[in-house]
N, C-alpha and C. Protein backbone atom coordinates (compact mmCIF):
# COMPACT_ATOMS: atom_id res chain seq x y z
N MET A 1 97.55 161.88 -23.47
CA MET A 1 97.38 162.47 -22.52
C MET A 1 98.08 162.33 -21.56
N ALA A 2 98.39 163.25 -20.27
CA ALA A 2 99.74 162.86 -19.46
C ALA A 2 99.97 161.48 -18.99
N SER A 3 98.84 160.66 -18.51
CA SER A 3 98.96 159.43 -17.80
C SER A 3 99.69 158.74 -18.64
N ARG A 4 99.40 158.55 -20.03
CA ARG A 4 100.46 157.62 -21.16
C ARG A 4 101.69 157.75 -20.87
N ASP A 5 102.38 158.36 -20.22
CA ASP A 5 103.82 158.69 -20.18
C ASP A 5 104.18 158.72 -18.70
N GLY A 6 103.12 158.43 -18.09
CA GLY A 6 103.50 158.26 -16.34
C GLY A 6 103.45 159.44 -15.64
N ALA A 7 103.35 160.67 -16.61
CA ALA A 7 103.56 161.81 -15.68
C ALA A 7 102.39 162.66 -15.23
N CYS A 8 102.45 163.06 -14.33
CA CYS A 8 100.97 163.43 -13.24
C CYS A 8 100.25 162.38 -12.90
N ALA A 9 100.92 161.24 -12.67
CA ALA A 9 100.17 160.07 -12.08
C ALA A 9 99.17 160.34 -11.28
N ASN A 10 99.86 161.49 -10.06
CA ASN A 10 98.45 161.80 -8.99
C ASN A 10 97.73 162.82 -8.97
N LYS A 11 98.18 163.54 -10.22
CA LYS A 11 97.31 165.04 -10.38
C LYS A 11 95.52 164.85 -10.71
N ALA A 12 95.13 165.23 -10.18
CA ALA A 12 93.69 165.50 -9.83
C ALA A 12 93.50 166.22 -11.10
N VAL A 13 92.25 165.79 -11.92
CA VAL A 13 91.98 166.42 -13.24
C VAL A 13 90.27 166.52 -13.02
N THR A 14 89.60 167.60 -13.90
CA THR A 14 88.46 167.95 -13.42
C THR A 14 87.39 167.16 -14.56
N PHE A 15 86.45 166.86 -14.04
CA PHE A 15 85.19 166.32 -15.31
C PHE A 15 85.35 167.48 -16.50
N GLN A 16 85.39 168.63 -16.26
CA GLN A 16 85.24 169.45 -17.67
C GLN A 16 86.11 169.28 -18.50
N GLU A 17 87.92 169.01 -17.45
CA GLU A 17 88.75 168.65 -18.61
C GLU A 17 88.91 167.49 -19.46
N LEU A 18 88.21 166.67 -18.95
CA LEU A 18 87.79 165.15 -19.64
C LEU A 18 87.13 165.01 -20.84
N GLU A 19 86.07 165.92 -20.06
CA GLU A 19 84.69 166.46 -21.17
C GLU A 19 84.93 166.67 -22.18
N GLN A 20 86.22 167.82 -22.46
CA GLN A 20 86.54 168.46 -23.81
C GLN A 20 87.23 167.83 -25.00
N LYS A 21 87.78 166.68 -23.88
CA LYS A 21 88.65 165.46 -24.42
C LYS A 21 87.68 164.35 -25.41
N VAL A 22 86.56 163.97 -24.76
CA VAL A 22 85.78 163.09 -25.19
C VAL A 22 84.89 163.79 -26.55
N VAL A 23 84.50 165.49 -26.27
CA VAL A 23 83.83 165.95 -27.63
C VAL A 23 84.89 166.01 -28.31
N SER A 24 86.15 166.19 -28.24
CA SER A 24 87.54 166.24 -29.58
C SER A 24 87.40 164.99 -30.30
N LEU A 25 87.60 164.09 -29.47
CA LEU A 25 87.63 162.53 -29.91
C LEU A 25 86.28 162.24 -31.01
N PHE A 26 84.85 162.85 -30.79
CA PHE A 26 84.04 162.94 -31.54
C PHE A 26 84.34 163.48 -32.67
N GLU A 27 84.52 164.50 -32.42
CA GLU A 27 85.29 165.61 -33.76
C GLU A 27 85.65 165.30 -34.49
N LYS A 28 86.72 164.19 -33.99
CA LYS A 28 87.55 163.88 -35.37
C LYS A 28 87.19 162.45 -35.64
N ALA A 29 85.66 161.88 -35.07
CA ALA A 29 85.43 160.29 -35.37
C ALA A 29 85.55 160.13 -37.00
N GLY A 30 85.39 161.16 -37.84
CA GLY A 30 85.45 160.46 -39.19
C GLY A 30 86.86 160.68 -39.92
N SER A 31 87.43 160.53 -39.25
CA SER A 31 89.06 160.01 -39.57
C SER A 31 89.64 158.70 -39.27
N LEU A 32 88.48 158.19 -38.26
CA LEU A 32 88.48 156.89 -37.92
C LEU A 32 88.19 155.72 -39.04
N PRO A 33 88.38 154.73 -39.46
CA PRO A 33 88.22 153.54 -40.36
C PRO A 33 86.49 153.13 -39.59
N LEU A 34 85.66 152.68 -40.69
CA LEU A 34 84.47 152.61 -40.16
C LEU A 34 84.62 150.85 -40.23
N ARG A 35 84.74 150.39 -38.64
CA ARG A 35 84.58 148.56 -38.68
C ARG A 35 83.21 148.16 -38.92
N LEU A 36 82.31 148.57 -38.11
CA LEU A 36 80.95 147.85 -38.07
C LEU A 36 80.10 149.30 -38.32
N SER A 37 78.81 148.59 -39.11
CA SER A 37 77.65 149.11 -39.05
C SER A 37 76.28 148.58 -39.23
N LYS A 38 75.54 149.09 -38.45
CA LYS A 38 74.21 148.15 -37.90
C LYS A 38 72.99 149.16 -37.91
N ASP A 39 71.85 148.29 -38.46
CA ASP A 39 70.86 148.97 -38.70
C ASP A 39 70.76 149.97 -39.53
N GLY A 40 70.77 149.62 -40.44
CA GLY A 40 70.87 150.26 -41.91
C GLY A 40 71.85 152.01 -41.53
N GLY A 41 72.97 151.76 -40.88
CA GLY A 41 73.58 152.88 -40.65
C GLY A 41 73.19 153.58 -39.38
N ASN A 42 72.11 153.15 -38.69
CA ASN A 42 71.94 154.13 -37.24
C ASN A 42 72.92 153.95 -36.48
N ILE A 43 73.53 152.95 -36.64
CA ILE A 43 74.68 152.20 -35.41
C ILE A 43 75.92 152.08 -35.99
N GLU A 44 77.20 152.85 -35.96
CA GLU A 44 78.27 152.54 -36.40
C GLU A 44 79.51 152.52 -35.59
N VAL A 45 80.55 151.76 -35.80
CA VAL A 45 81.34 151.80 -34.86
C VAL A 45 82.81 151.95 -35.54
N ARG A 46 84.02 153.13 -35.07
CA ARG A 46 84.86 153.12 -35.76
C ARG A 46 85.78 152.98 -34.76
N THR A 47 86.87 152.01 -35.35
CA THR A 47 88.53 151.80 -34.49
C THR A 47 89.18 152.03 -35.10
N ASP A 48 90.49 152.03 -34.44
CA ASP A 48 91.94 152.25 -35.25
C ASP A 48 92.59 151.61 -33.84
N PHE A 49 94.07 151.54 -34.20
CA PHE A 49 94.79 151.18 -33.86
C PHE A 49 96.46 151.46 -33.84
N GLU A 50 97.23 151.67 -32.97
CA GLU A 50 98.34 152.12 -32.94
C GLU A 50 99.27 151.33 -32.21
N GLY A 51 99.62 150.30 -32.27
CA GLY A 51 100.45 149.14 -31.25
C GLY A 51 99.40 148.64 -30.65
N GLN A 52 99.68 148.76 -29.17
CA GLN A 52 98.44 148.39 -28.32
C GLN A 52 97.72 149.43 -27.91
N HIS A 53 97.48 150.42 -28.29
CA HIS A 53 96.67 151.89 -27.76
C HIS A 53 95.61 151.74 -28.88
N MET A 54 94.34 151.60 -28.76
CA MET A 54 93.11 151.62 -29.44
C MET A 54 92.23 152.56 -28.95
N VAL A 55 91.88 153.49 -29.98
CA VAL A 55 91.05 154.32 -30.19
C VAL A 55 89.74 153.79 -30.96
N SER A 56 88.68 153.87 -29.92
CA SER A 56 87.27 153.21 -30.71
C SER A 56 86.20 153.98 -30.25
N LEU A 57 85.14 154.52 -31.58
CA LEU A 57 83.99 155.31 -31.17
C LEU A 57 83.04 154.70 -31.63
N ALA A 58 81.84 154.44 -31.06
CA ALA A 58 80.83 153.84 -31.07
C ALA A 58 79.51 154.99 -31.15
N GLU A 59 78.50 154.96 -31.89
CA GLU A 59 77.15 155.89 -32.24
C GLU A 59 76.40 155.19 -32.40
N ALA A 60 74.97 155.45 -31.58
CA ALA A 60 73.95 155.42 -31.94
C ALA A 60 72.92 156.14 -32.17
N LYS A 61 72.74 156.72 -33.69
CA LYS A 61 72.28 157.84 -34.02
C LYS A 61 71.09 158.37 -33.65
N LEU A 62 69.85 157.31 -33.38
CA LEU A 62 68.66 157.67 -33.03
C LEU A 62 68.18 156.46 -32.28
N ILE A 63 67.95 156.16 -30.89
CA ILE A 63 67.14 155.55 -30.08
C ILE A 63 65.98 155.95 -29.79
N GLY A 64 64.93 155.41 -29.95
CA GLY A 64 63.66 156.07 -29.50
C GLY A 64 63.06 155.96 -28.45
N ARG A 65 63.82 156.75 -27.51
CA ARG A 65 63.60 156.72 -25.97
C ARG A 65 64.11 157.77 -25.03
N PRO A 66 63.91 158.50 -24.71
CA PRO A 66 64.25 159.97 -23.88
C PRO A 66 65.74 159.53 -22.92
N PRO A 67 66.37 160.26 -23.05
CA PRO A 67 67.65 160.56 -22.29
C PRO A 67 67.09 159.83 -20.72
N SER A 68 65.77 159.96 -19.82
CA SER A 68 65.76 159.65 -19.05
C SER A 68 65.57 158.27 -18.77
N ALA A 69 65.72 157.59 -19.57
CA ALA A 69 65.57 156.21 -19.93
C ALA A 69 66.84 155.29 -19.70
N PHE A 70 68.32 156.11 -19.96
CA PHE A 70 69.01 155.62 -19.84
C PHE A 70 69.85 156.49 -18.25
N ARG A 71 69.43 157.34 -17.70
CA ARG A 71 70.01 158.00 -16.59
C ARG A 71 70.20 157.18 -15.36
N GLY A 72 69.40 155.62 -15.16
CA GLY A 72 69.73 154.90 -13.93
C GLY A 72 70.87 154.24 -14.13
N PHE A 73 71.19 153.79 -15.44
CA PHE A 73 72.44 153.02 -15.62
C PHE A 73 73.50 153.69 -15.46
N LEU A 74 73.14 155.31 -15.79
CA LEU A 74 74.69 156.19 -15.53
C LEU A 74 75.29 156.12 -13.93
N GLU A 75 74.11 156.41 -13.26
CA GLU A 75 73.96 157.17 -11.88
C GLU A 75 74.17 155.84 -11.29
N ASN A 76 73.72 154.13 -11.41
CA ASN A 76 74.05 153.11 -10.80
C ASN A 76 75.28 152.51 -11.99
N PHE A 77 76.41 153.03 -12.23
CA PHE A 77 77.22 152.28 -13.31
C PHE A 77 77.58 151.07 -12.70
N ASN A 78 78.04 150.92 -11.54
CA ASN A 78 79.03 150.09 -11.04
C ASN A 78 78.24 148.62 -10.98
N ASP A 79 76.80 148.41 -10.53
CA ASP A 79 76.29 147.23 -10.65
C ASP A 79 75.77 147.14 -12.03
N ALA A 80 74.92 148.25 -12.38
CA ALA A 80 74.36 148.17 -13.53
C ALA A 80 75.26 147.74 -14.87
N PHE A 81 76.16 148.44 -15.01
CA PHE A 81 77.77 147.65 -16.28
C PHE A 81 77.79 146.30 -15.91
N ALA A 82 77.86 145.89 -14.31
CA ALA A 82 78.78 144.62 -14.17
C ALA A 82 77.25 143.37 -14.13
N GLN A 83 76.16 143.87 -13.95
CA GLN A 83 74.77 143.09 -13.98
C GLN A 83 74.53 142.98 -15.72
N ASN A 84 74.73 143.68 -16.44
CA ASN A 84 74.48 143.68 -17.68
C ASN A 84 75.50 143.38 -18.95
N ASP A 85 76.61 143.51 -18.86
CA ASP A 85 77.83 143.02 -19.49
C ASP A 85 78.42 141.88 -19.32
N PRO A 86 78.32 140.78 -19.99
CA PRO A 86 78.81 139.80 -19.75
C PRO A 86 80.26 139.50 -19.47
N MET A 87 80.97 140.54 -20.26
CA MET A 87 82.58 140.70 -20.18
C MET A 87 82.91 141.18 -18.80
N VAL A 88 81.98 141.59 -18.08
CA VAL A 88 82.42 142.41 -16.54
C VAL A 88 82.34 141.29 -15.36
N ARG A 89 83.46 140.68 -15.23
CA ARG A 89 83.06 140.24 -13.81
C ARG A 89 82.39 140.76 -12.57
N GLU A 90 83.14 141.90 -12.34
CA GLU A 90 82.90 142.68 -11.44
C GLU A 90 83.25 143.95 -11.11
N ILE A 91 82.51 145.13 -10.52
CA ILE A 91 83.06 146.28 -10.44
C ILE A 91 83.32 146.69 -8.75
N ARG A 92 84.50 147.02 -8.03
CA ARG A 92 84.57 147.48 -6.64
C ARG A 92 85.04 148.67 -6.87
N HIS A 93 83.92 149.47 -5.83
CA HIS A 93 84.20 150.75 -5.40
C HIS A 93 85.31 150.69 -4.42
N LEU A 94 86.29 151.81 -4.81
CA LEU A 94 87.66 152.19 -3.90
C LEU A 94 86.85 153.14 -3.03
N GLU A 95 87.35 154.09 -3.37
CA GLU A 95 87.22 155.36 -2.99
C GLU A 95 86.44 156.36 -3.16
N HIS A 96 85.96 157.66 -2.42
CA HIS A 96 85.61 158.70 -3.53
C HIS A 96 86.71 159.98 -2.94
N GLU A 97 86.45 160.81 -3.58
CA GLU A 97 87.22 161.86 -3.51
C GLU A 97 86.70 163.04 -4.64
N GLN A 98 86.42 163.87 -3.75
CA GLN A 98 85.53 165.27 -4.03
C GLN A 98 84.15 164.73 -5.27
N SER A 99 84.34 165.05 -6.57
CA SER A 99 83.40 164.71 -7.28
C SER A 99 83.98 163.50 -7.97
N ARG A 100 84.78 162.82 -7.85
CA ARG A 100 85.01 161.62 -8.29
C ARG A 100 85.31 160.45 -7.30
N GLU A 101 85.03 159.08 -8.28
CA GLU A 101 84.68 157.79 -7.69
C GLU A 101 86.38 156.95 -8.08
N GLY A 102 87.04 156.29 -7.32
CA GLY A 102 87.90 155.23 -7.81
C GLY A 102 87.18 154.15 -7.72
N ILE A 103 87.49 153.18 -8.92
CA ILE A 103 87.04 151.67 -9.29
C ILE A 103 87.78 151.10 -9.57
N LYS A 104 87.46 149.76 -9.43
CA LYS A 104 88.60 148.73 -9.85
C LYS A 104 87.40 147.53 -10.83
N ALA A 105 88.00 147.40 -12.04
CA ALA A 105 87.06 146.70 -12.80
C ALA A 105 88.06 145.20 -13.22
N PHE A 106 87.24 144.03 -13.19
CA PHE A 106 87.75 142.78 -13.70
C PHE A 106 87.07 142.45 -14.72
N LEU A 107 87.64 142.48 -15.82
CA LEU A 107 86.98 142.08 -17.40
C LEU A 107 87.87 140.46 -17.80
N GLN A 108 86.66 139.39 -18.26
CA GLN A 108 86.72 138.47 -18.48
C GLN A 108 86.94 138.42 -19.99
N PHE A 109 87.76 137.65 -20.65
CA PHE A 109 87.83 137.38 -22.39
C PHE A 109 87.88 136.32 -22.95
N PRO A 110 87.44 136.15 -24.09
CA PRO A 110 87.85 134.38 -24.62
C PRO A 110 89.15 134.42 -24.60
N ALA A 111 89.56 133.04 -24.77
CA ALA A 111 90.86 132.75 -25.28
C ALA A 111 91.23 133.25 -26.85
N PRO A 112 92.30 133.76 -27.24
CA PRO A 112 93.89 133.55 -26.52
C PRO A 112 93.59 134.64 -25.36
N VAL A 113 92.96 135.80 -25.65
CA VAL A 113 92.94 137.11 -24.79
C VAL A 113 92.77 136.72 -22.82
N SER A 114 94.19 137.42 -22.55
CA SER A 114 94.10 137.14 -20.99
C SER A 114 93.07 137.78 -20.35
N ASP A 115 92.54 137.73 -19.14
CA ASP A 115 91.38 138.64 -18.65
C ASP A 115 92.56 139.75 -17.86
N ARG A 116 91.62 140.94 -17.93
CA ARG A 116 92.21 141.87 -17.99
C ARG A 116 91.71 142.52 -16.13
N ILE A 117 92.37 143.66 -15.64
CA ILE A 117 91.91 144.57 -14.39
C ILE A 117 92.38 146.03 -14.71
N MET A 118 91.47 146.75 -14.37
CA MET A 118 91.59 148.05 -14.59
C MET A 118 91.06 148.95 -13.51
N VAL A 119 92.14 150.12 -13.01
CA VAL A 119 91.96 150.79 -11.92
C VAL A 119 91.85 152.23 -12.50
N HIS A 120 90.59 152.82 -12.22
CA HIS A 120 90.45 154.42 -12.67
C HIS A 120 89.66 155.34 -12.14
N TRP A 121 89.44 156.16 -12.36
CA TRP A 121 88.32 156.94 -11.72
C TRP A 121 87.11 157.31 -12.28
N LYS A 122 85.60 157.60 -11.95
CA LYS A 122 84.96 157.86 -12.30
C LYS A 122 83.97 158.89 -12.39
N TYR A 123 83.51 159.55 -13.56
CA TYR A 123 83.13 161.00 -13.27
C TYR A 123 81.89 160.98 -13.70
N LEU A 124 80.77 161.81 -13.21
CA LEU A 124 79.57 161.55 -13.71
C LEU A 124 78.74 163.23 -13.66
N GLY A 125 78.39 163.33 -15.25
CA GLY A 125 78.11 164.97 -15.76
C GLY A 125 76.45 164.52 -16.05
N LEU A 126 75.53 165.12 -15.02
CA LEU A 126 74.21 164.51 -15.24
C LEU A 126 73.57 166.09 -15.91
N ASP A 127 72.88 166.02 -16.44
CA ASP A 127 72.05 167.49 -17.46
C ASP A 127 73.19 168.47 -17.54
N ARG A 128 74.24 168.18 -18.10
CA ARG A 128 75.22 169.07 -18.49
C ARG A 128 74.91 170.22 -19.42
N ARG A 129 73.70 169.98 -19.90
CA ARG A 129 72.71 170.52 -20.83
C ARG A 129 71.14 169.82 -20.62
N PRO A 130 70.19 170.28 -20.46
CA PRO A 130 68.95 169.92 -20.10
C PRO A 130 68.80 168.46 -20.79
N GLY A 131 68.61 167.58 -20.08
CA GLY A 131 68.22 166.13 -20.90
C GLY A 131 69.63 165.41 -21.13
N GLU A 132 70.61 165.84 -21.15
CA GLU A 132 72.11 165.50 -21.96
C GLU A 132 73.16 165.10 -20.60
N HIS A 133 73.47 163.64 -20.46
CA HIS A 133 74.37 163.13 -19.40
C HIS A 133 75.55 162.52 -20.26
N MET A 134 76.73 162.67 -19.17
CA MET A 134 77.86 161.86 -19.77
C MET A 134 78.40 161.29 -18.70
N LEU A 135 79.28 160.12 -18.65
CA LEU A 135 79.76 159.29 -17.48
C LEU A 135 81.11 159.22 -18.33
N ILE A 136 82.24 159.24 -17.49
CA ILE A 136 83.91 158.83 -17.88
C ILE A 136 84.16 158.37 -16.81
N LEU A 137 85.45 157.70 -17.41
CA LEU A 137 86.33 156.76 -16.88
C LEU A 137 87.65 156.88 -17.21
N SER A 138 88.17 157.65 -16.40
CA SER A 138 89.87 157.46 -16.79
C SER A 138 91.01 157.41 -15.70
N GLU A 139 92.39 156.92 -16.11
CA GLU A 139 93.15 156.84 -15.24
C GLU A 139 94.16 158.08 -15.26
N ASP A 140 93.65 159.38 -15.65
CA ASP A 140 94.66 160.26 -15.15
C ASP A 140 94.22 160.32 -13.49
N GLY A 141 96.07 160.68 -13.05
CA GLY A 141 95.49 161.04 -11.69
C GLY A 141 95.43 159.66 -10.70
N ASN A 142 95.79 158.52 -10.95
CA ASN A 142 95.49 157.18 -10.92
C ASN A 142 96.67 156.41 -9.90
N GLY A 143 97.86 156.98 -9.82
CA GLY A 143 98.71 156.67 -9.13
C GLY A 143 98.55 156.06 -7.71
N GLY A 144 98.03 156.99 -6.79
CA GLY A 144 97.39 156.32 -5.78
C GLY A 144 96.46 155.29 -5.83
N LEU A 145 95.85 155.13 -6.30
CA LEU A 145 94.69 154.36 -6.63
C LEU A 145 95.85 153.03 -6.70
N LEU A 146 96.55 152.95 -7.52
CA LEU A 146 96.99 151.62 -8.09
C LEU A 146 97.90 151.04 -6.81
N ASP A 147 98.62 152.15 -6.09
CA ASP A 147 99.36 151.85 -4.96
C ASP A 147 98.88 151.43 -3.49
N LYS A 148 97.42 151.89 -3.67
CA LYS A 148 97.02 151.55 -2.64
C LYS A 148 95.81 150.22 -2.71
N TYR A 149 95.36 150.13 -4.00
CA TYR A 149 94.45 148.97 -4.30
C TYR A 149 94.78 147.96 -5.22
N LEU A 150 95.99 148.05 -6.35
CA LEU A 150 96.37 146.67 -6.71
C LEU A 150 97.12 145.85 -6.15
N SER A 151 96.81 144.76 -5.98
CA SER A 151 97.43 143.96 -4.81
C SER A 151 98.36 143.00 -5.81
N THR A 152 99.47 142.72 -4.97
CA THR A 152 100.73 141.85 -5.96
C THR A 152 99.90 140.27 -6.48
N GLU A 153 99.04 139.65 -5.88
CA GLU A 153 98.29 138.75 -6.19
C GLU A 153 97.51 139.16 -7.62
N GLU A 154 97.12 140.45 -7.74
CA GLU A 154 96.28 140.78 -9.08
C GLU A 154 97.17 141.16 -10.20
N LYS A 155 98.37 141.67 -9.76
CA LYS A 155 99.30 141.87 -11.00
C LYS A 155 99.73 140.46 -11.41
N GLN A 156 100.13 139.56 -10.85
CA GLN A 156 100.17 138.26 -11.11
C GLN A 156 99.01 137.68 -12.29
N LYS A 157 97.88 137.78 -11.27
CA LYS A 157 96.80 136.79 -12.00
C LYS A 157 96.10 137.33 -13.50
N TYR A 158 96.12 139.08 -13.37
CA TYR A 158 95.83 139.45 -14.74
C TYR A 158 96.43 140.70 -15.36
N VAL A 159 96.24 140.87 -16.51
CA VAL A 159 96.84 141.94 -16.99
C VAL A 159 96.20 143.48 -17.15
N LEU A 160 97.12 144.15 -16.73
CA LEU A 160 96.37 145.68 -16.14
C LEU A 160 96.53 146.34 -17.32
N ALA A 161 94.84 146.98 -17.73
CA ALA A 161 94.73 147.46 -18.97
C ALA A 161 94.72 149.04 -18.73
N ARG A 162 95.20 149.79 -19.32
CA ARG A 162 94.77 151.26 -19.32
C ARG A 162 93.59 151.89 -19.79
N THR A 163 93.27 152.48 -19.17
CA THR A 163 91.89 153.57 -19.51
C THR A 163 92.22 154.82 -19.45
N PHE A 164 92.67 155.52 -20.93
CA PHE A 164 93.28 156.82 -20.81
C PHE A 164 91.92 157.56 -20.83
N LEU A 165 90.73 157.18 -21.61
CA LEU A 165 89.82 157.84 -21.69
C LEU A 165 88.48 156.98 -21.89
N CYS A 166 87.58 156.74 -21.48
CA CYS A 166 86.04 155.80 -21.57
C CYS A 166 84.74 156.87 -21.32
N ALA A 167 84.05 157.04 -22.05
CA ALA A 167 83.08 157.78 -21.56
C ALA A 167 81.48 157.07 -22.42
N TYR A 168 80.68 157.20 -21.82
CA TYR A 168 79.26 157.11 -22.47
C TYR A 168 78.62 158.59 -22.20
N TRP A 169 78.16 159.03 -23.63
CA TRP A 169 77.63 160.57 -23.60
C TRP A 169 75.95 159.85 -24.48
N VAL A 170 74.86 160.85 -23.49
CA VAL A 170 73.66 160.36 -23.99
C VAL A 170 72.94 161.91 -24.46
N SER A 171 72.41 162.15 -25.47
CA SER A 171 71.85 163.51 -25.75
C SER A 171 70.13 163.09 -26.42
N PRO A 172 69.60 164.17 -25.88
CA PRO A 172 68.15 164.21 -26.56
C PRO A 172 68.36 164.65 -28.19
N VAL A 173 67.15 163.98 -28.64
CA VAL A 173 67.15 164.40 -30.45
C VAL A 173 65.96 164.80 -30.48
N SER A 174 65.44 166.11 -31.08
CA SER A 174 64.42 166.77 -31.04
C SER A 174 64.24 166.67 -32.45
N ASP A 175 62.23 166.51 -32.58
CA ASP A 175 61.80 167.13 -34.44
C ASP A 175 62.22 168.80 -34.30
N ALA A 176 61.33 168.54 -35.60
CA ALA A 176 61.79 170.34 -35.98
C ALA A 176 60.89 171.42 -35.06
N GLN A 177 59.85 170.63 -33.95
CA GLN A 177 58.98 171.35 -33.42
C GLN A 177 59.67 171.73 -32.13
N GLY A 178 60.83 170.98 -31.79
CA GLY A 178 61.40 170.90 -30.70
C GLY A 178 61.31 169.62 -29.57
N ASN A 179 60.47 168.98 -29.87
CA ASN A 179 59.84 167.73 -29.18
C ASN A 179 61.00 166.89 -29.31
N VAL A 180 61.51 166.03 -27.83
CA VAL A 180 62.43 165.61 -27.78
C VAL A 180 61.74 164.00 -28.41
N VAL A 181 62.04 163.62 -29.03
CA VAL A 181 61.38 162.20 -30.20
C VAL A 181 62.60 160.87 -30.01
N GLY A 182 63.99 161.05 -29.06
CA GLY A 182 64.75 160.01 -28.88
C GLY A 182 65.60 160.84 -28.19
N SER A 183 66.85 159.55 -28.44
CA SER A 183 68.35 159.75 -28.10
C SER A 183 69.29 159.32 -29.12
N ASN A 184 70.30 159.94 -28.81
CA ASN A 184 71.48 159.94 -29.34
C ASN A 184 72.33 159.43 -28.49
N ILE A 185 73.09 158.21 -28.51
CA ILE A 185 74.16 157.58 -27.87
C ILE A 185 75.34 157.31 -28.16
N LYS A 186 76.47 157.83 -27.51
CA LYS A 186 78.13 157.95 -28.08
C LYS A 186 78.57 157.05 -27.03
N TYR A 187 79.53 156.37 -27.27
CA TYR A 187 80.59 155.45 -26.70
C TYR A 187 82.28 155.58 -27.05
N ALA A 188 82.83 156.07 -26.11
CA ALA A 188 84.15 156.45 -26.35
C ALA A 188 85.09 155.48 -25.48
N TYR A 189 86.42 154.86 -26.35
CA TYR A 189 87.20 154.58 -25.46
C TYR A 189 88.53 154.46 -25.97
N SER A 190 89.39 155.00 -25.53
CA SER A 190 90.84 155.10 -25.78
C SER A 190 91.82 154.98 -24.79
N GLY A 191 92.51 153.59 -25.01
CA GLY A 191 93.50 153.11 -23.99
C GLY A 191 94.27 152.01 -24.54
N ASP A 192 95.19 151.68 -23.75
CA ASP A 192 96.22 150.86 -23.79
C ASP A 192 95.95 149.34 -23.51
N VAL A 193 95.34 148.31 -24.28
CA VAL A 193 94.57 146.85 -24.09
C VAL A 193 95.63 146.15 -23.16
N GLY A 194 96.82 146.53 -22.74
CA GLY A 194 97.91 145.79 -22.26
C GLY A 194 98.09 144.38 -22.43
N GLY A 195 99.31 143.70 -22.53
CA GLY A 195 99.68 142.44 -22.72
C GLY A 195 99.79 142.51 -24.40
N SER A 196 99.84 141.49 -25.19
CA SER A 196 100.27 140.99 -26.38
C SER A 196 98.98 140.56 -26.93
N ILE A 197 98.49 141.13 -28.10
CA ILE A 197 97.18 140.71 -28.51
C ILE A 197 97.43 140.89 -30.18
N PRO A 198 97.47 139.55 -31.01
CA PRO A 198 97.55 139.82 -32.27
C PRO A 198 96.72 140.56 -32.85
N ALA A 199 97.25 141.33 -34.00
CA ALA A 199 96.73 142.35 -34.97
C ALA A 199 94.89 141.54 -35.02
N ARG A 200 95.19 140.32 -35.87
CA ARG A 200 93.61 139.87 -36.50
C ARG A 200 92.96 139.84 -35.05
N VAL A 201 93.16 139.68 -33.85
CA VAL A 201 91.84 139.48 -32.50
C VAL A 201 92.13 141.06 -32.41
N GLN A 202 92.84 142.12 -32.26
CA GLN A 202 92.45 143.33 -31.94
C GLN A 202 91.41 143.74 -33.30
N ARG A 203 91.34 143.66 -34.40
CA ARG A 203 90.45 144.15 -35.81
C ARG A 203 89.08 143.26 -35.28
N TRP A 204 89.11 142.26 -34.43
CA TRP A 204 87.93 141.51 -33.68
C TRP A 204 87.55 141.69 -32.86
N ILE A 205 88.15 141.98 -32.02
CA ILE A 205 87.72 142.09 -30.46
C ILE A 205 87.57 143.73 -30.06
N GLY A 206 88.08 144.67 -30.73
CA GLY A 206 88.41 145.99 -30.48
C GLY A 206 86.62 146.62 -30.91
N PRO A 207 86.03 146.76 -32.38
CA PRO A 207 84.85 147.10 -32.50
C PRO A 207 83.59 145.96 -31.72
N LYS A 208 84.15 145.01 -31.38
CA LYS A 208 82.91 143.93 -30.76
C LYS A 208 82.43 144.66 -29.52
N ASN A 209 83.36 145.02 -28.91
CA ASN A 209 83.58 145.51 -27.33
C ASN A 209 83.03 146.63 -27.21
N SER A 210 83.37 147.71 -28.29
CA SER A 210 82.75 148.90 -28.43
C SER A 210 81.34 148.67 -28.85
N LEU A 211 81.06 147.99 -29.71
CA LEU A 211 79.30 147.75 -29.92
C LEU A 211 78.52 146.84 -28.69
N ASP A 212 79.08 146.37 -27.80
CA ASP A 212 78.53 145.39 -27.13
C ASP A 212 78.46 146.32 -25.69
N SER A 213 79.11 147.37 -25.88
CA SER A 213 79.32 148.26 -24.45
C SER A 213 78.15 149.30 -24.56
N LEU A 214 78.05 149.68 -26.20
CA LEU A 214 76.94 150.29 -26.49
C LEU A 214 75.47 149.96 -26.49
N LYS A 215 75.74 148.31 -26.39
CA LYS A 215 73.90 147.71 -26.81
C LYS A 215 74.02 147.47 -25.02
N VAL A 216 74.79 147.39 -24.26
CA VAL A 216 74.49 147.57 -22.68
C VAL A 216 73.46 148.22 -22.60
N LEU A 217 74.03 149.66 -22.88
CA LEU A 217 73.12 150.66 -22.36
C LEU A 217 71.94 150.89 -23.04
N ILE A 218 72.00 150.85 -24.20
CA ILE A 218 70.64 150.75 -24.74
C ILE A 218 69.80 149.45 -24.59
N GLY A 219 70.11 148.00 -24.32
CA GLY A 219 69.49 147.17 -23.45
C GLY A 219 68.79 147.92 -22.08
N TYR A 220 69.81 148.24 -21.31
CA TYR A 220 69.10 148.44 -19.89
C TYR A 220 68.24 149.40 -19.75
N SER A 221 68.05 150.10 -21.14
CA SER A 221 66.81 151.15 -21.43
C SER A 221 65.87 150.62 -21.71
N GLU A 222 65.94 149.39 -22.29
CA GLU A 222 64.51 148.71 -22.99
C GLU A 222 64.09 147.84 -21.53
N ASN A 223 64.89 147.73 -20.46
CA ASN A 223 64.22 146.36 -19.27
C ASN A 223 63.85 147.28 -18.35
N GLY A 224 64.85 148.65 -18.05
CA GLY A 224 64.79 149.60 -17.00
C GLY A 224 63.32 150.44 -17.20
N SER A 225 63.20 150.86 -15.97
CA SER A 225 61.84 152.38 -16.01
C SER A 225 62.83 153.41 -16.09
N GLU A 226 61.73 154.36 -16.36
CA GLU A 226 62.33 155.93 -16.83
C GLU A 226 62.29 156.35 -15.54
N LYS A 227 63.20 157.29 -15.16
CA LYS A 227 63.49 158.43 -14.31
C LYS A 227 63.20 159.64 -14.34
């Protein structure tokens, strides 16, 4: 991505551009090492590292609830994610620009990993196809957000983690007759985790965080009402 080398730090990107990158990541999922497998293979997490750059893909192949059960989480992501994921201390709204929202996330990690801060844009694509939804977070074009909203105190207190691409993708699963029987849930993360994290910690915390992020969305649908 352009933002990985600092280029185009303030250039706006579209949901459609980022959407294609998410699709491309999952098309190559089979090339990543399988790190976790749960529920008889229904849930899989594939994660790889190149230095501090992590790519992690998690998928729940079939959850027995329709996509409408997950819509509220995506629509109210800032509050829903902070309230349901213990890793997230707070998510702050920064500003709106056209069809995207600037947000700042404060993340807390167990020792020896330092707490992180992330500043990025949030994009929401509901019903990209009938019953199919995607939420995307990306630092592409976030130079202005960093200049305005990342304080000197925060730079000293937290490690800045860079989110090249993070996404939740909810799709309907249908039976042979075309009836929706559940949902396929995908979670993607590509970013620089920031700071210096030992390889043994990377191998543990990377897949675990992706699995936890997937479970947060699944758990929300179990506890929330359909819309």
